[in-house]
Amino acid sequence: MVLVLLEECMVTMLLTITLLVNFTIVYLDYVLENLRITHNILLVDNKLIKKII
């Protein structure tokens, strides 16, 4: 009885950890993509500013 409960707990924990890891990877990917876009925009802005000056 106790073993069955332990197994269920382990499975639930594993599922939770897997979900968290997946979420973290997706979130990090999203953040990195936004940073890249922001970086590109900043680069473009810098070029424009240099042209103006």
C-alpha atoms as a PDB file:
ATOM      1  CA  MET A   1       0.000   0.000   0.000  1.00  0.00           C
ATOM      2  CA  VAL A   2       2.721   2.449   0.983  1.00  0.00           C
ATOM      3  CA  LEU A   3       4.780   1.435  -2.058  1.00  0.00           C
ATOM      4  CA  VAL A   4       1.901   2.136  -4.406  1.00  0.00           C
ATOM      5  CA  LEU A   5       1.453   5.569  -2.891  1.00  0.00           C
ATOM      6  CA  LEU A   6       5.162   6.233  -3.196  1.00  0.00           C
ATOM      7  CA  GLU A   7       5.130   5.186  -6.835  1.00  0.00           C
ATOM      8  CA  GLU A   8       2.233   7.495  -7.586  1.00  0.00           C
ATOM      9  CA  CYS A   9       4.026  10.342  -5.843  1.00  0.00           C
ATOM     10  CA  MET A  10       7.165   9.670  -7.870  1.00  0.00           C
ATOM     11  CA  VAL A  11       5.230   9.618 -11.133  1.00  0.00           C
ATOM     12  CA  THR A  12       3.456  12.846 -10.253  1.00  0.00           C
ATOM     13  CA  MET A  13       6.749  14.480  -9.312  1.00  0.00           C
ATOM     14  CA  LEU A  14       8.385  13.323 -12.522  1.00  0.00           C
ATOM     15  CA  LEU A  15       5.499  14.665 -14.581  1.00  0.00           C
ATOM     16  CA  THR A  16       5.603  17.964 -12.746  1.00  0.00           C
ATOM     17  CA  ILE A  17       9.366  18.283 -13.210  1.00  0.00           C
ATOM     18  CA  THR A  18       9.075  17.434 -16.902  1.00  0.00           C
ATOM     19  CA  LEU A  19       6.378  20.054 -17.356  1.00  0.00           C
ATOM     20  CA  LEU A  20       8.417  22.648 -15.500  1.00  0.00           C
ATOM     21  CA  VAL A  21      11.503  21.914 -17.566  1.00  0.00           C
ATOM     22  CA  ASN A  22       9.521  22.137 -20.801  1.00  0.00           C
ATOM     23  CA  PHE A  23       7.935  25.382 -19.712  1.00  0.00           C
ATOM     24  CA  THR A  24      11.314  26.815 -18.728  1.00  0.00           C
ATOM     25  CA  ILE A  25      12.838  25.899 -22.085  1.00  0.00           C
ATOM     26  CA  VAL A  26       9.957  27.455 -23.984  1.00  0.00           C
ATOM     27  CA  TYR A  27      10.076  30.574 -21.804  1.00  0.00           C
ATOM     28  CA  LEU A  28      13.835  30.948 -22.210  1.00  0.00           C
ATOM     29  CA  ASP A  29      13.497  30.504 -25.949  1.00  0.00           C
ATOM     30  CA  TYR A  30      10.852  33.223 -26.000  1.00  0.00           C
ATOM     31  CA  VAL A  31      12.982  35.585 -23.908  1.00  0.00           C
ATOM     32  CA  LEU A  32      16.052  34.983 -26.069  1.00  0.00           C
ATOM     33  CA  GLU A  33      14.053  35.605 -29.225  1.00  0.00           C
ATOM     34  CA  ASN A  34      12.770  38.892 -27.788  1.00  0.00           C
ATOM     35  CA  LEU A  35      16.290  39.890 -26.812  1.00  0.00           C
ATOM     36  CA  ARG A  36      17.492  39.137 -30.320  1.00  0.00           C
ATOM     37  CA  ILE A  37      14.698  41.259 -31.798  1.00  0.00           C
ATOM     38  CA  THR A  38      15.433  44.088 -29.383  1.00  0.00           C
ATOM     39  CA  HIS A  39      19.123  43.834 -30.184  1.00  0.00           C
ATOM     40  CA  ASN A  40      18.400  44.047 -33.918  1.00  0.00           C
ATOM     41  CA  ILE A  41      16.174  47.064 -33.388  1.00  0.00           C
ATOM     42  CA  LEU A  42      18.898  48.735 -31.328  1.00  0.00           C
ATOM     43  CA  LEU A  43      21.436  47.999 -34.070  1.00  0.00           C
ATOM     44  CA  VAL A  44      19.152  49.552 -36.656  1.00  0.00           C
ATOM     45  CA  ASP A  45      18.607  52.563 -34.405  1.00  0.00           C
ATOM     46  CA  ASN A  46      22.345  52.997 -33.976  1.00  0.00           C
ATOM     47  CA  LYS A  47      22.893  52.916 -37.734  1.00  0.00           C
ATOM     48  CA  LEU A  48      20.154  55.478 -38.231  1.00  0.00           C
ATOM     49  CA  ILE A  49      21.591  57.708 -35.532  1.00  0.00           C
ATOM     50  CA  LYS A  50      25.058  57.493 -37.096  1.00  0.00           C
ATOM     51  CA  LYS A  51      23.616  58.418 -40.497  1.00  0.00           C
ATOM     52  CA  ILE A  52      21.800  61.390 -39.006  1.00  0.00           C
ATOM     53  CA  ILE A  53      24.903  62.605 -37.130  1.00  0.00           C
END
